[in-house]
Amino acid sequence: MVIEPVVPDDLPAILDLQRRAYTYEAALYPEATLPAMTQTLEELQAEAERQTLLKGTLNGRLIASVRGFVDEAGVGQIGRLIVDPSEPGRGYGPRLLHAIEATLPAPTLELFTGERSTRNLWLYERLGYMRDRSERHGDVTLIYLRKEKAKVTA
């Protein structure tokens, strides 16, 4: 998989991939409307102007994406880690997550997922994220996880 920054022409394909990737999540929360499933191209374009978006391609085909930014408190916020549902279990998600972690100039990283998203929770915890708090958002309880970047010493 080749990981590189997203360009504006990638955004329609990323939006399509996002909807396909979140189908599984949406089934876990039938009572909720997930923002990832209703986001418009215009909203994604506005997000892309404020955030770092990375894509993963395989033989020129978009198979994964992630986005992130550093918030006003200096915490790297990571979101919408998506992998094509036809490419599960090949390590693309962890590779893309590591890439966005390295891109964000912040010592602390944070991401979230729904409490029923056991696959996501397992992955994030396996990659060093620790549960920090939970918050109720409409019909969904979100679990926030944090990770401190390793300090490099000379």
Protein backbone atom coordinates (compact mmCIF):
# COMPACT_ATOMS: atom_id res chain seq x y z
CA MET A 1 0.00 0.00 0.00
CA VAL A 2 1.25 3.46 -0.91
CA ILE A 3 0.37 6.17 1.64
CA GLU A 4 0.24 9.78 0.50
CA PRO A 5 -1.64 13.04 1.09
CA VAL A 6 -5.11 13.37 -0.35
CA VAL A 7 -5.62 15.82 -3.22
CA PRO A 8 -8.97 17.50 -3.94
CA ASP A 9 -9.74 15.13 -6.84
CA ASP A 10 -9.62 12.21 -4.36
CA LEU A 11 -12.48 13.49 -2.22
CA PRO A 12 -15.46 11.96 -4.11
CA ALA A 13 -13.80 8.53 -4.01
CA ILE A 14 -12.99 8.95 -0.31
CA LEU A 15 -16.60 9.83 0.42
CA ASP A 16 -17.74 6.71 -1.45
CA LEU A 17 -15.21 4.55 0.41
CA GLN A 18 -16.26 6.11 3.71
CA ARG A 19 -19.89 5.13 3.18
CA ARG A 20 -18.96 1.58 2.20
CA ALA A 21 -16.56 1.23 5.14
CA TYR A 22 -19.08 2.55 7.67
CA THR A 23 -21.85 0.15 6.59
CA TYR A 24 -20.71 -2.33 9.25
CA GLU A 25 -20.65 0.41 11.93
CA ALA A 26 -24.09 1.65 10.91
CA ALA A 27 -25.48 -1.87 11.42
CA LEU A 28 -24.17 -1.83 15.01
CA TYR A 29 -26.15 1.36 15.73
CA PRO A 30 -29.48 1.02 13.89
CA GLU A 31 -31.07 3.61 16.17
CA ALA A 32 -28.55 6.29 15.20
CA THR A 33 -27.62 8.27 12.12
CA LEU A 34 -23.85 8.20 11.86
CA PRO A 35 -22.28 11.43 10.53
CA ALA A 36 -19.88 9.37 8.39
CA MET A 37 -22.87 8.02 6.47
CA THR A 38 -24.51 11.39 5.85
CA GLN A 39 -21.49 13.62 5.24
CA THR A 40 -21.74 15.56 1.98
CA LEU A 41 -18.95 16.22 -0.48
CA GLU A 42 -19.08 19.91 0.45
CA GLU A 43 -18.63 19.05 4.14
CA LEU A 44 -15.71 16.76 3.30
CA GLN A 45 -14.13 19.49 1.16
CA ALA A 46 -14.38 21.93 4.07
CA GLU A 47 -12.86 19.34 6.41
CA ALA A 48 -10.00 18.75 3.96
CA GLU A 49 -9.12 22.44 4.12
CA ARG A 50 -8.68 22.27 7.92
CA GLN A 51 -7.27 18.78 8.39
CA THR A 52 -4.58 16.45 7.14
CA LEU A 53 -6.06 13.67 5.04
CA LEU A 54 -4.05 10.65 3.97
CA LYS A 55 -4.98 7.93 1.53
CA GLY A 56 -3.76 4.42 0.97
CA THR A 57 -3.70 3.03 -2.55
CA LEU A 58 -2.95 -0.41 -3.87
CA ASN A 59 -2.01 -0.61 -7.55
CA GLY A 60 -3.52 2.87 -7.96
CA ARG A 61 -6.84 1.91 -6.32
CA LEU A 62 -8.02 3.79 -3.22
CA ILE A 63 -8.35 1.29 -0.38
CA ALA A 64 -7.99 3.34 2.81
CA SER A 65 -8.04 6.82 4.30
CA VAL A 66 -7.65 8.65 7.59
CA ARG A 67 -7.76 12.27 8.74
CA GLY A 68 -6.45 14.28 11.64
CA PHE A 69 -5.63 17.68 13.06
CA VAL A 70 -4.14 19.23 16.18
CA ASP A 71 -6.80 20.86 18.34
CA GLU A 72 -6.49 24.08 20.34
CA ALA A 73 -5.21 22.11 23.37
CA GLY A 74 -2.37 20.65 21.29
CA VAL A 75 -3.88 17.15 21.09
CA GLY A 76 -3.76 15.29 17.79
CA GLN A 77 -7.31 14.32 16.89
CA ILE A 78 -7.56 11.31 14.56
CA GLY A 79 -10.74 10.36 12.77
CA ARG A 80 -12.40 8.35 10.07
CA LEU A 81 -9.85 5.59 9.73
CA ILE A 82 -11.44 3.62 6.90
CA VAL A 83 -10.40 0.56 4.92
CA ASP A 84 -12.18 -0.91 1.93
CA PRO A 85 -14.44 -3.69 3.27
CA SER A 86 -13.05 -6.02 0.58
CA GLU A 87 -9.53 -5.67 2.10
CA PRO A 88 -9.93 -6.71 5.76
CA GLY A 89 -7.18 -8.03 7.97
CA ARG A 90 -4.23 -7.07 5.79
CA GLY A 91 -2.74 -4.47 8.14
CA TYR A 92 -3.76 -1.45 6.08
CA GLY A 93 -5.59 0.23 8.98
CA PRO A 94 -2.64 0.07 11.41
CA ARG A 95 -0.21 1.28 8.72
CA LEU A 96 -2.40 4.27 7.92
CA LEU A 97 -2.93 5.02 11.61
CA HIS A 98 0.83 5.03 12.21
CA ALA A 99 1.26 7.36 9.23
CA ILE A 100 -1.22 9.96 10.53
CA GLU A 101 0.29 9.69 14.02
CA ALA A 102 3.70 10.56 12.57
CA THR A 103 2.22 13.44 10.57
CA LEU A 104 0.52 15.22 13.48
CA PRO A 105 2.88 17.45 15.47
CA ALA A 106 1.38 16.64 18.89
CA PRO A 107 2.70 14.61 21.85
CA THR A 108 -0.76 13.24 22.69
CA LEU A 109 -3.13 11.58 20.23
CA GLU A 110 -6.84 10.95 20.64
CA LEU A 111 -9.47 9.09 18.68
CA PHE A 112 -12.91 7.67 19.40
CA THR A 113 -15.27 4.92 18.39
CA GLY A 114 -18.67 3.69 19.45
CA GLU A 115 -18.97 1.47 22.51
CA ARG A 116 -20.35 -1.42 20.42
CA SER A 117 -17.46 -1.23 17.95
CA THR A 118 -15.48 -4.01 19.58
CA ARG A 119 -13.26 -4.59 16.53
CA ASN A 120 -12.18 -0.94 16.56
CA LEU A 121 -11.62 -0.92 20.32
CA TRP A 122 -9.51 -4.07 20.06
CA LEU A 123 -7.39 -2.58 17.26
CA TYR A 124 -6.83 0.77 18.96
CA GLU A 125 -5.91 -0.82 22.28
CA ARG A 126 -3.56 -3.24 20.53
CA LEU A 127 -1.85 -0.20 18.96
CA GLY A 128 -1.24 1.46 22.32
CA TYR A 129 -4.34 3.59 22.81
CA MET A 130 -5.89 3.55 26.26
CA ARG A 131 -9.51 4.27 27.14
CA ASP A 132 -9.79 7.78 28.53
CA ARG A 133 -13.49 8.55 28.84
CA SER A 134 -16.92 7.91 27.38
CA GLU A 135 -19.47 10.47 26.24
CA ARG A 136 -23.05 10.12 25.13
CA HIS A 137 -23.78 11.70 21.73
CA GLY A 138 -27.42 11.31 20.80
CA ASP A 139 -28.15 7.58 20.63
CA VAL A 140 -24.50 6.50 20.73
CA THR A 141 -21.96 6.30 23.54
CA LEU A 142 -18.49 7.12 22.25
CA ILE A 143 -15.33 5.75 23.83
CA TYR A 144 -12.38 8.16 23.61
CA LEU A 145 -8.91 6.64 23.61
CA ARG A 146 -5.54 8.38 24.05
CA LYS A 147 -1.95 7.59 23.30
CA GLU A 148 1.26 9.39 24.18
CA LYS A 149 3.85 9.46 21.41
CA ALA A 150 7.16 7.92 22.33
CA LYS A 151 9.72 10.54 23.29
CA VAL A 152 12.91 10.46 21.26
CA THR A 153 16.05 11.02 23.29
CA ALA A 154 19.55 11.56 21.97
